[in-house]
Protein backbone atom coordinates (compact mmCIF):
# COMPACT_ATOMS: atom_id res chain seq x y z
CA MET A 1 -14.51 27.74 -3.20
CA ASP A 2 -13.75 29.25 0.20
CA LEU A 3 -10.33 27.92 1.34
CA ASN A 4 -11.10 28.77 4.97
CA LYS A 5 -14.29 26.69 4.99
CA LYS A 6 -13.79 23.35 6.78
CA ASN A 7 -15.01 20.07 5.33
CA PHE A 8 -17.36 18.12 7.55
CA THR A 9 -19.05 14.76 7.16
CA SER A 10 -22.83 14.51 7.31
CA VAL A 11 -22.60 13.83 11.07
CA GLY A 12 -20.32 16.79 11.74
CA THR A 13 -16.83 15.23 11.80
CA ASP A 14 -14.07 17.62 10.72
CA ILE A 15 -12.36 15.70 7.89
CA GLU A 16 -9.11 17.70 7.97
CA GLU A 17 -8.78 17.24 11.73
CA VAL A 18 -9.20 13.46 11.37
CA LYS A 19 -6.53 13.37 8.64
CA LEU A 20 -4.16 15.35 10.86
CA LEU A 21 -4.77 13.12 13.88
CA ASN A 22 -4.31 9.98 11.77
CA ALA A 23 -0.99 11.26 10.45
CA GLN A 24 0.20 11.77 14.03
CA SER A 25 -1.08 8.46 15.40
CA GLY A 26 1.86 6.17 14.58
CA LEU A 27 2.30 3.27 12.19
CA SER A 28 -0.46 2.28 9.78
CA TYR A 29 -1.76 -1.28 9.61
CA ASN A 30 0.32 -1.98 6.49
CA GLU A 31 3.43 -0.39 8.01
CA VAL A 32 3.10 -2.70 11.02
CA LYS A 33 2.71 -5.75 8.75
CA GLU A 34 5.80 -4.71 6.78
CA LEU A 35 7.80 -4.30 9.99
CA LEU A 36 6.65 -7.70 11.24
CA ALA A 37 7.60 -9.31 7.94
CA LYS A 38 11.10 -7.94 8.23
CA THR A 39 11.41 -9.22 11.79
CA GLY A 40 9.79 -12.66 11.41
CA GLY A 41 6.03 -12.11 11.65
CA LYS A 42 3.38 -14.72 10.75
CA ASP A 43 1.48 -14.59 7.40
CA THR A 44 3.46 -11.58 6.21
CA ALA A 45 5.26 -13.09 3.20
CA MET A 46 3.86 -10.52 0.77
CA TYR A 47 5.69 -7.79 2.69
CA SER A 48 8.97 -9.66 3.02
CA ASN A 49 12.05 -8.78 1.01
CA THR A 50 13.48 -12.31 1.47
CA ASP A 51 14.24 -14.27 -1.70
CA ALA A 52 12.58 -17.60 -0.89
CA GLU A 53 14.36 -19.43 -3.71
CA GLU A 54 17.75 -18.26 -2.43
CA ILE A 55 16.93 -19.57 1.06
CA LYS A 56 15.81 -22.92 -0.37
CA ARG A 57 19.08 -23.24 -2.30
CA LYS A 58 21.07 -22.45 0.88
CA PHE A 59 19.58 -25.43 2.68
CA GLN A 60 19.83 -27.95 -0.15
CA PRO A 61 22.06 -30.95 0.61
CA GLY A 62 25.60 -30.24 -0.62
CA SER A 63 25.22 -26.48 -0.33
CA GLU A 64 28.52 -24.70 0.34
CA GLU A 65 26.97 -21.91 2.46
């Protein structure tokens, strides 16, 4: 296999160039959702590191915290 040969899609897109541009483009969709979860986003519970049971216990009547 020729290491200098570029990989192109059937319509002529340079695959390696697209990968490079994507890597330089900023946050991915999942990275944005994770960031939103950590800062109070909507429908992002699966990305949150909050212990829901701990929060529920905090707000139970008679809680010391």
